Amino acid sequence: MSNAQDVIEHYNRFHSAVYGPEGALDRKTRHLICLGAALGASCEPCTKYALGVLRELQTSDAEIDEAIEVAMTVGASSARLLAKKVRAENA
């Protein structure tokens, strides 16, 4: 087996462990977090994956919208704080 195949197999096991059996967080909560993280990382395939699972779990539009709104605040806060820092450094 090539090193690349080994890495992919390890990733697949890691993914299954994270999204597999319920732990402290239920499946819906984990995928709402996944959605927010995917949006924050601008990962389209990850966003599609999270939305697909959330739809399978019959997650309401209101729940999905709220997760999206939280992700938006993180992105907006990051941009605002970076701008504030750069302006202060270049004043």
PDB file of N, CA and C in Angstrom:
ATOM      1  N   MET A   1       0.854  -1.171   0.000  1.00  0.00           N
ATOM      2  CA  MET A   1       0.000   0.000   0.000  1.00  0.00           C
ATOM      3  C   MET A   1       0.903   1.238   0.000  1.00  0.00           C
ATOM      4  N   SER A   2       0.534   2.198  -0.821  1.00  0.00           N
ATOM      5  CA  SER A   2       1.315   3.436  -0.877  1.00  0.00           C
ATOM      6  C   SER A   2       1.047   4.286   0.359  1.00  0.00           C
ATOM      7  N   ASN A   3       1.933   5.211   0.609  1.00  0.00           N
ATOM      8  CA  ASN A   3       1.780   6.118   1.739  1.00  0.00           C
ATOM      9  C   ASN A   3       0.478   6.913   1.619  1.00  0.00           C
ATOM     10  N   ALA A   4       0.137   7.354   0.396  1.00  0.00           N
ATOM     11  CA  ALA A   4      -1.096   8.124   0.191  1.00  0.00           C
ATOM     12  C   ALA A   4      -2.322   7.290   0.568  1.00  0.00           C
ATOM     13  N   GLN A   5      -2.340   6.036   0.187  1.00  0.00           N
ATOM     14  CA  GLN A   5      -3.467   5.167   0.531  1.00  0.00           C
ATOM     15  C   GLN A   5      -3.564   4.986   2.039  1.00  0.00           C
ATOM     16  N   ASP A   6      -2.427   4.855   2.688  1.00  0.00           N
ATOM     17  CA  ASP A   6      -2.390   4.700   4.137  1.00  0.00           C
ATOM     18  C   ASP A   6      -2.961   5.941   4.821  1.00  0.00           C
ATOM     19  N   VAL A   7      -2.572   7.104   4.335  1.00  0.00           N
ATOM     20  CA  VAL A   7      -3.068   8.364   4.900  1.00  0.00           C
ATOM     21  C   VAL A   7      -4.583   8.457   4.725  1.00  0.00           C
ATOM     22  N   ILE A   8      -5.078   8.090   3.553  1.00  0.00           N
ATOM     23  CA  ILE A   8      -6.523   8.145   3.288  1.00  0.00           C
ATOM     24  C   ILE A   8      -7.268   7.188   4.215  1.00  0.00           C
ATOM     25  N   GLU A   9      -6.727   5.994   4.410  1.00  0.00           N
ATOM     26  CA  GLU A   9      -7.376   5.038   5.315  1.00  0.00           C
ATOM     27  C   GLU A   9      -7.404   5.563   6.749  1.00  0.00           C
ATOM     28  N   HIS A  10      -6.315   6.177   7.184  1.00  0.00           N
ATOM     29  CA  HIS A  10      -6.280   6.767   8.530  1.00  0.00           C
ATOM     30  C   HIS A  10      -7.308   7.891   8.645  1.00  0.00           C
ATOM     31  N   TYR A  11      -7.392   8.728   7.611  1.00  0.00           N
ATOM     32  CA  TYR A  11      -8.375   9.813   7.629  1.00  0.00           C
ATOM     33  C   TYR A  11      -9.787   9.239   7.712  1.00  0.00           C
ATOM     34  N   ASN A  12     -10.073   8.225   6.912  1.00  0.00           N
ATOM     35  CA  ASN A  12     -11.417   7.637   6.918  1.00  0.00           C
ATOM     36  C   ASN A  12     -11.774   7.066   8.289  1.00  0.00           C
ATOM     37  N   ARG A  13     -10.816   6.436   8.959  1.00  0.00           N
ATOM     38  CA  ARG A  13     -11.068   5.928  10.313  1.00  0.00           C
ATOM     39  C   ARG A  13     -11.301   7.082  11.291  1.00  0.00           C
ATOM     40  N   PHE A  14     -10.505   8.134  11.162  1.00  0.00           N
ATOM     41  CA  PHE A  14     -10.661   9.325  12.002  1.00  0.00           C
ATOM     42  C   PHE A  14     -12.053   9.932  11.796  1.00  0.00           C
ATOM     43  N   HIS A  15     -12.451  10.105  10.535  1.00  0.00           N
ATOM     44  CA  HIS A  15     -13.763  10.677  10.205  1.00  0.00           C
ATOM     45  C   HIS A  15     -14.880   9.825  10.798  1.00  0.00           C
ATOM     46  N   SER A  16     -14.779   8.516  10.643  1.00  0.00           N
ATOM     47  CA  SER A  16     -15.802   7.609  11.181  1.00  0.00           C
ATOM     48  C   SER A  16     -15.878   7.685  12.698  1.00  0.00           C
ATOM     49  N   ALA A  17     -14.731   7.832  13.347  1.00  0.00           N
ATOM     50  CA  ALA A  17     -14.721   7.929  14.809  1.00  0.00           C
ATOM     51  C   ALA A  17     -15.373   9.225  15.278  1.00  0.00           C
ATOM     52  N   VAL A  18     -15.119  10.315  14.569  1.00  0.00           N
ATOM     53  CA  VAL A  18     -15.680  11.615  14.966  1.00  0.00           C
ATOM     54  C   VAL A  18     -17.178  11.671  14.706  1.00  0.00           C
ATOM     55  N   TYR A  19     -17.614  11.187  13.551  1.00  0.00           N
ATOM     56  CA  TYR A  19     -19.020  11.302  13.176  1.00  0.00           C
ATOM     57  C   TYR A  19     -19.814  10.029  13.419  1.00  0.00           C
ATOM     58  N   GLY A  20     -19.191   9.023  14.000  1.00  0.00           N
ATOM     59  CA  GLY A  20     -19.847   7.743  14.228  1.00  0.00           C
ATOM     60  C   GLY A  20     -20.766   7.749  15.429  1.00  0.00           C
ATOM     61  N   PRO A  21     -20.512   6.839  16.364  1.00  0.00           N
ATOM     62  CA  PRO A  21     -21.404   6.698  17.521  1.00  0.00           C
ATOM     63  C   PRO A  21     -21.489   7.989  18.331  1.00  0.00           C
ATOM     64  N   GLU A  22     -22.655   8.201  18.908  1.00  0.00           N
ATOM     65  CA  GLU A  22     -22.853   9.416  19.700  1.00  0.00           C
ATOM     66  C   GLU A  22     -21.971   9.394  20.930  1.00  0.00           C
ATOM     67  N   GLY A  23     -21.435  10.552  21.233  1.00  0.00           N
ATOM     68  CA  GLY A  23     -20.649  10.738  22.442  1.00  0.00           C
ATOM     69  C   GLY A  23     -21.351  11.774  23.291  1.00  0.00           C
ATOM     70  N   ALA A  24     -20.603  12.756  23.753  1.00  0.00           N
ATOM     71  CA  ALA A  24     -21.188  13.823  24.566  1.00  0.00           C
ATOM     72  C   ALA A  24     -22.148  14.678  23.743  1.00  0.00           C
ATOM     73  N   LEU A  25     -21.879  14.781  22.431  1.00  0.00           N
ATOM     74  CA  LEU A  25     -22.752  15.552  21.535  1.00  0.00           C
ATOM     75  C   LEU A  25     -23.566  14.599  20.671  1.00  0.00           C
ATOM     76  N   ASP A  26     -24.821  14.939  20.441  1.00  0.00           N
ATOM     77  CA  ASP A  26     -25.617  14.114  19.542  1.00  0.00           C
ATOM     78  C   ASP A  26     -25.214  14.402  18.094  1.00  0.00           C
ATOM     79  N   ARG A  27     -25.675  13.556  17.200  1.00  0.00           N
ATOM     80  CA  ARG A  27     -25.275  13.630  15.790  1.00  0.00           C
ATOM     81  C   ARG A  27     -25.657  14.973  15.166  1.00  0.00           C
ATOM     82  N   LYS A  28     -26.849  15.462  15.457  1.00  0.00           N
ATOM     83  CA  LYS A  28     -27.288  16.732  14.882  1.00  0.00           C
ATOM     84  C   LYS A  28     -26.381  17.875  15.331  1.00  0.00           C
ATOM     85  N   THR A  29     -26.059  17.923  16.614  1.00  0.00           N
ATOM     86  CA  THR A  29     -25.201  18.994  17.129  1.00  0.00           C
ATOM     87  C   THR A  29     -23.835  18.943  16.468  1.00  0.00           C
ATOM     88  N   ARG A  30     -23.273  17.740  16.343  1.00  0.00           N
ATOM     89  CA  ARG A  30     -21.961  17.620  15.690  1.00  0.00           C
ATOM     90  C   ARG A  30     -22.002  18.133  14.260  1.00  0.00           C
ATOM     91  N   HIS A  31     -23.089  17.856  13.548  1.00  0.00           N
ATOM     92  CA  HIS A  31     -23.165  18.297  12.153  1.00  0.00           C
ATOM     93  C   HIS A  31     -23.517  19.782  12.034  1.00  0.00           C
ATOM     94  N   LEU A  32     -24.182  20.346  13.019  1.00  0.00           N
ATOM     95  CA  LEU A  32     -24.362  21.803  13.031  1.00  0.00           C
ATOM     96  C   LEU A  32     -23.008  22.487  13.245  1.00  0.00           C
ATOM     97  N   ILE A  33     -22.179  21.922  14.118  1.00  0.00           N
ATOM     98  CA  ILE A  33     -20.819  22.438  14.311  1.00  0.00           C
ATOM     99  C   ILE A  33     -20.022  22.269  13.018  1.00  0.00           C
ATOM    100  N   CYS A  34     -20.163  21.113  12.396  1.00  0.00           N
ATOM    101  CA  CYS A  34     -19.486  20.843  11.128  1.00  0.00           C
ATOM    102  C   CYS A  34     -19.875  21.887  10.086  1.00  0.00           C
ATOM    103  N   LEU A  35     -21.149  22.219  10.016  1.00  0.00           N
ATOM    104  CA  LEU A  35     -21.616  23.223   9.057  1.00  0.00           C
ATOM    105  C   LEU A  35     -20.941  24.564   9.313  1.00  0.00           C
ATOM    106  N   GLY A  36     -20.926  24.996  10.561  1.00  0.00           N
ATOM    107  CA  GLY A  36     -20.285  26.268  10.890  1.00  0.00           C
ATOM    108  C   GLY A  36     -18.808  26.266  10.559  1.00  0.00           C
ATOM    109  N   ALA A  37     -18.126  25.178  10.890  1.00  0.00           N
ATOM    110  CA  ALA A  37     -16.693  25.075  10.599  1.00  0.00           C
ATOM    111  C   ALA A  37     -16.449  25.038   9.094  1.00  0.00           C
ATOM    112  N   ALA A  38     -17.295  24.316   8.370  1.00  0.00           N
ATOM    113  CA  ALA A  38     -17.152  24.227   6.915  1.00  0.00           C
ATOM    114  C   ALA A  38     -17.324  25.593   6.265  1.00  0.00           C
ATOM    115  N   LEU A  39     -18.308  26.337   6.725  1.00  0.00           N
ATOM    116  CA  LEU A  39     -18.513  27.680   6.185  1.00  0.00           C
ATOM    117  C   LEU A  39     -17.334  28.580   6.530  1.00  0.00           C
ATOM    118  N   GLY A  40     -16.848  28.476   7.756  1.00  0.00           N
ATOM    119  CA  GLY A  40     -15.702  29.282   8.172  1.00  0.00           C
ATOM    120  C   GLY A  40     -14.446  28.968   7.376  1.00  0.00           C
ATOM    121  N   ALA A  41     -14.317  27.715   6.950  1.00  0.00           N
ATOM    122  CA  ALA A  41     -13.158  27.288   6.167  1.00  0.00           C
ATOM    123  C   ALA A  41     -13.395  27.447   4.665  1.00  0.00           C
ATOM    124  N   SER A  42     -14.578  27.904   4.284  1.00  0.00           N
ATOM    125  CA  SER A  42     -14.962  28.042   2.866  1.00  0.00           C
ATOM    126  C   SER A  42     -14.796  26.722   2.114  1.00  0.00           C
ATOM    127  N   CYS A  43     -15.187  25.641   2.771  1.00  0.00           N
ATOM    128  CA  CYS A  43     -15.072  24.309   2.171  1.00  0.00           C
ATOM    129  C   CYS A  43     -16.440  23.893   1.611  1.00  0.00           C
ATOM    130  N   GLU A  44     -16.603  24.054   0.302  1.00  0.00           N
ATOM    131  CA  GLU A  44     -17.891  23.736  -0.320  1.00  0.00           C
ATOM    132  C   GLU A  44     -18.276  22.268  -0.162  1.00  0.00           C
ATOM    133  N   PRO A  45     -17.360  21.311  -0.422  1.00  0.00           N
ATOM    134  CA  PRO A  45     -17.748  19.906  -0.240  1.00  0.00           C
ATOM    135  C   PRO A  45     -18.148  19.596   1.203  1.00  0.00           C
ATOM    136  N   CYS A  46     -17.442  20.207   2.167  1.00  0.00           N
ATOM    137  CA  CYS A  46     -17.768  19.985   3.580  1.00  0.00           C
ATOM    138  C   CYS A  46     -19.140  20.565   3.916  1.00  0.00           C
ATOM    139  N   THR A  47     -19.433  21.738   3.357  1.00  0.00           N
ATOM    140  CA  THR A  47     -20.726  22.385   3.588  1.00  0.00           C
ATOM    141  C   THR A  47     -21.849  21.527   3.021  1.00  0.00           C
ATOM    142  N   LYS A  48     -21.648  21.010   1.812  1.00  0.00           N
ATOM    143  CA  LYS A  48     -22.661  20.148   1.187  1.00  0.00           C
ATOM    144  C   LYS A  48     -22.864  18.876   2.009  1.00  0.00           C
ATOM    145  N   TYR A  49     -21.762  18.303   2.494  1.00  0.00           N
ATOM    146  CA  TYR A  49     -21.845  17.099   3.324  1.00  0.00           C
ATOM    147  C   TYR A  49     -22.671  17.381   4.578  1.00  0.00           C
ATOM    148  N   ALA A  50     -22.319  18.461   5.287  1.00  0.00           N
ATOM    149  CA  ALA A  50     -23.017  18.788   6.534  1.00  0.00           C
ATOM    150  C   ALA A  50     -24.499  19.034   6.280  1.00  0.00           C
ATOM    151  N   LEU A  51     -24.811  19.803   5.244  1.00  0.00           N
ATOM    152  CA  LEU A  51     -26.221  20.078   4.937  1.00  0.00           C
ATOM    153  C   LEU A  51     -26.971  18.804   4.572  1.00  0.00           C
ATOM    154  N   GLY A  52     -26.320  17.916   3.832  1.00  0.00           N
ATOM    155  CA  GLY A  52     -26.958  16.653   3.468  1.00  0.00           C
ATOM    156  C   GLY A  52     -27.314  15.818   4.689  1.00  0.00           C
ATOM    157  N   VAL A  53     -26.370  15.705   5.609  1.00  0.00           N
ATOM    158  CA  VAL A  53     -26.626  14.937   6.833  1.00  0.00           C
ATOM    159  C   VAL A  53     -27.698  15.625   7.669  1.00  0.00           C
ATOM    160  N   LEU A  54     -27.615  16.946   7.782  1.00  0.00           N
ATOM    161  CA  LEU A  54     -28.619  17.674   8.572  1.00  0.00           C
ATOM    162  C   LEU A  54     -30.016  17.496   7.988  1.00  0.00           C
ATOM    163  N   ARG A  55     -30.126  17.451   6.677  1.00  0.00           N
ATOM    164  CA  ARG A  55     -31.436  17.204   6.046  1.00  0.00           C
ATOM    165  C   ARG A  55     -31.920  15.794   6.367  1.00  0.00           C
ATOM    166  N   GLU A  56     -31.000  14.813   6.305  1.00  0.00           N
ATOM    167  CA  GLU A  56     -31.366  13.430   6.659  1.00  0.00           C
ATOM    168  C   GLU A  56     -31.867  13.352   8.099  1.00  0.00           C
ATOM    169  N   LEU A  57     -31.293  14.176   8.964  1.00  0.00           N
ATOM    170  CA  LEU A  57     -31.681  14.190  10.380  1.00  0.00           C
ATOM    171  C   LEU A  57     -32.912  15.057  10.631  1.00  0.00           C
ATOM    172  N   GLN A  58     -33.510  15.550   9.560  1.00  0.00           N
ATOM    173  CA  GLN A  58     -34.717  16.390   9.630  1.00  0.00           C
ATOM    174  C   GLN A  58     -34.498  17.638  10.487  1.00  0.00           C
ATOM    175  N   THR A  59     -33.327  18.236  10.310  1.00  0.00           N
ATOM    176  CA  THR A  59     -33.001  19.472  11.011  1.00  0.00           C
ATOM    177  C   THR A  59     -33.831  20.592  10.405  1.00  0.00           C
ATOM    178  N   SER A  60     -34.397  21.423  11.241  1.00  0.00           N
ATOM    179  CA  SER A  60     -35.256  22.498  10.740  1.00  0.00           C
ATOM    180  C   SER A  60     -34.430  23.582  10.056  1.00  0.00           C
ATOM    181  N   ASP A  61     -35.097  24.325   9.168  1.00  0.00           N
ATOM    182  CA  ASP A  61     -34.436  25.465   8.527  1.00  0.00           C
ATOM    183  C   ASP A  61     -33.979  26.472   9.573  1.00  0.00           C
ATOM    184  N   ALA A  62     -34.759  26.644  10.627  1.00  0.00           N
ATOM    185  CA  ALA A  62     -34.399  27.601  11.680  1.00  0.00           C
ATOM    186  C   ALA A  62     -33.095  27.187  12.364  1.00  0.00           C
ATOM    187  N   GLU A  63     -32.921  25.888  12.621  1.00  0.00           N
ATOM    188  CA  GLU A  63     -31.684  25.409  13.248  1.00  0.00           C
ATOM    189  C   GLU A  63     -30.486  25.609  12.321  1.00  0.00           C
ATOM    190  N   ILE A  64     -30.674  25.291  11.047  1.00  0.00           N
ATOM    191  CA  ILE A  64     -29.601  25.470  10.064  1.00  0.00           C
ATOM    192  C   ILE A  64     -29.267  26.947   9.915  1.00  0.00           C
ATOM    193  N   ASP A  65     -30.292  27.788   9.813  1.00  0.00           N
ATOM    194  CA  ASP A  65     -30.063  29.231   9.691  1.00  0.00           C
ATOM    195  C   ASP A  65     -29.292  29.776  10.887  1.00  0.00           C
ATOM    196  N   GLU A  66     -29.609  29.299  12.071  1.00  0.00           N
ATOM    197  CA  GLU A  66     -28.919  29.782  13.265  1.00  0.00           C
ATOM    198  C   GLU A  66     -27.443  29.378  13.250  1.00  0.00           C
ATOM    199  N   ALA A  67     -27.153  28.162  12.814  1.00  0.00           N
ATOM    200  CA  ALA A  67     -25.752  27.732  12.703  1.00  0.00           C
ATOM    201  C   ALA A  67     -25.011  28.586  11.676  1.00  0.00           C
ATOM    202  N   ILE A  68     -25.674  28.903  10.569  1.00  0.00           N
ATOM    203  CA  ILE A  68     -25.071  29.762   9.545  1.00  0.00           C
ATOM    204  C   ILE A  68     -24.817  31.151  10.108  1.00  0.00           C
ATOM    205  N   GLU A  69     -25.765  31.673  10.862  1.00  0.00           N
ATOM    206  CA  GLU A  69     -25.603  33.007  11.457  1.00  0.00           C
ATOM    207  C   GLU A  69     -24.423  33.045  12.422  1.00  0.00           C
ATOM    208  N   VAL A  70     -24.255  31.988  13.214  1.00  0.00           N
ATOM    209  CA  VAL A  70     -23.112  31.935  14.133  1.00  0.00           C
ATOM    210  C   VAL A  70     -21.808  31.940  13.331  1.00  0.00           C
ATOM    211  N   ALA A  71     -21.751  31.141  12.265  1.00  0.00           N
ATOM    212  CA  ALA A  71     -20.551  31.112  11.421  1.00  0.00           C
ATOM    213  C   ALA A  71     -20.276  32.485  10.821  1.00  0.00           C
ATOM    214  N   MET A  72     -21.332  33.187  10.423  1.00  0.00           N
ATOM    215  CA  MET A  72     -21.168  34.528   9.851  1.00  0.00           C
ATOM    216  C   MET A  72     -20.589  35.500  10.873  1.00  0.00           C
ATOM    217  N   THR A  73     -21.012  35.399  12.129  1.00  0.00           N
ATOM    218  CA  THR A  73     -20.489  36.326  13.139  1.00  0.00           C
ATOM    219  C   THR A  73     -19.005  36.085  13.385  1.00  0.00           C
ATOM    220  N   VAL A  74     -18.582  34.832  13.314  1.00  0.00           N
ATOM    221  CA  VAL A  74     -17.160  34.532  13.498  1.00  0.00           C
ATOM    222  C   VAL A  74     -16.351  35.161  12.364  1.00  0.00           C
ATOM    223  N   GLY A  75     -16.825  34.995  11.137  1.00  0.00           N
ATOM    224  CA  GLY A  75     -16.127  35.586   9.994  1.00  0.00           C
ATOM    225  C   GLY A  75     -16.104  37.099  10.054  1.00  0.00           C
ATOM    226  N   ALA A  76     -17.229  37.692  10.411  1.00  0.00           N
ATOM    227  CA  ALA A  76     -17.304  39.154  10.491  1.00  0.00           C
ATOM    228  C   ALA A  76     -16.431  39.682  11.621  1.00  0.00           C
ATOM    229  N   SER A  77     -16.435  39.004  12.750  1.00  0.00           N
ATOM    230  CA  SER A  77     -15.600  39.431  13.878  1.00  0.00           C
ATOM    231  C   SER A  77     -14.126  39.348  13.522  1.00  0.00           C
ATOM    232  N   SER A  78     -13.746  38.292  12.846  1.00  0.00           N
ATOM    233  CA  SER A  78     -12.359  38.122  12.436  1.00  0.00           C
ATOM    234  C   SER A  78     -11.922  39.261  11.523  1.00  0.00           C
ATOM    235  N   ALA A  79     -12.752  39.595  10.540  1.00  0.00           N
ATOM    236  CA  ALA A  79     -12.427  40.689   9.621  1.00  0.00           C
ATOM    237  C   ALA A  79     -12.357  42.016  10.362  1.00  0.00           C
ATOM    238  N   ARG A  80     -13.303  42.263  11.246  1.00  0.00           N
ATOM    239  CA  ARG A  80     -13.350  43.520  11.997  1.00  0.00           C
ATOM    240  C   ARG A  80     -12.119  43.675  12.880  1.00  0.00           C
ATOM    241  N   LEU A  81     -11.765  42.615  13.601  1.00  0.00           N
ATOM    242  CA  LEU A  81     -10.615  42.684  14.506  1.00  0.00           C
ATOM    243  C   LEU A  81      -9.295  42.801  13.749  1.00  0.00           C
ATOM    244  N   LEU A  82      -9.189  42.120  12.607  1.00  0.00           N
ATOM    245  CA  LEU A  82      -7.987  42.244  11.790  1.00  0.00           C
ATOM    246  C   LEU A  82      -7.847  43.667  11.270  1.00  0.00           C
ATOM    247  N   ALA A  83      -8.942  44.237  10.788  1.00  0.00           N
ATOM    248  CA  ALA A  83      -8.904  45.614  10.290  1.00  0.00           C
ATOM    249  C   ALA A  83      -8.507  46.581  11.397  1.00  0.00           C
ATOM    250  N   LYS A  84      -9.057  46.386  12.574  1.00  0.00           N
ATOM    251  CA  LYS A  84      -8.734  47.252  13.716  1.00  0.00           C
ATOM    252  C   LYS A  84      -7.245  47.161  14.052  1.00  0.00           C
ATOM    253  N   LYS A  85      -6.707  45.943  14.054  1.00  0.00           N
ATOM    254  CA  LYS A  85      -5.290  45.730  14.365  1.00  0.00           C
ATOM    255  C   LYS A  85      -4.396  46.398  13.327  1.00  0.00           C
ATOM    256  N   VAL A  86      -4.694  46.182  12.052  1.00  0.00           N
ATOM    257  CA  VAL A  86      -3.873  46.738  10.980  1.00  0.00           C
ATOM    258  C   VAL A  86      -3.929  48.262  10.988  1.00  0.00           C
ATOM    259  N   ARG A  87      -5.111  48.810  11.212  1.00  0.00           N
ATOM    260  CA  ARG A  87      -5.236  50.280  11.275  1.00  0.00           C
ATOM    261  C   ARG A  87      -4.408  50.842  12.422  1.00  0.00           C
ATOM    262  N   ALA A  88      -4.443  50.178  13.578  1.00  0.00           N
ATOM    263  CA  ALA A  88      -3.683  50.658  14.736  1.00  0.00           C
ATOM    264  C   ALA A  88      -2.177  50.582  14.469  1.00  0.00           C
ATOM    265  N   GLU A  89      -1.751  49.525  13.791  1.00  0.00           N
ATOM    266  CA  GLU A  89      -0.328  49.361  13.489  1.00  0.00           C
ATOM    267  C   GLU A  89       0.165  50.367  12.453  1.00  0.00           C
ATOM    268  N   ASN A  90      -0.747  50.853  11.633  1.00  0.00           N
ATOM    269  CA  ASN A  90      -0.373  51.769  10.552  1.00  0.00           C
ATOM    270  C   ASN A  90      -0.875  53.184  10.779  1.00  0.00           C
ATOM    271  N   ALA A  91      -1.159  53.520  12.025  1.00  0.00           N
ATOM    272  CA  ALA A  91      -1.675  54.861  12.336  1.00  0.00           C
ATOM    273  C   ALA A  91      -0.553  55.880  12.370  1.00  0.00           C
TER     274      ALA A  91
END
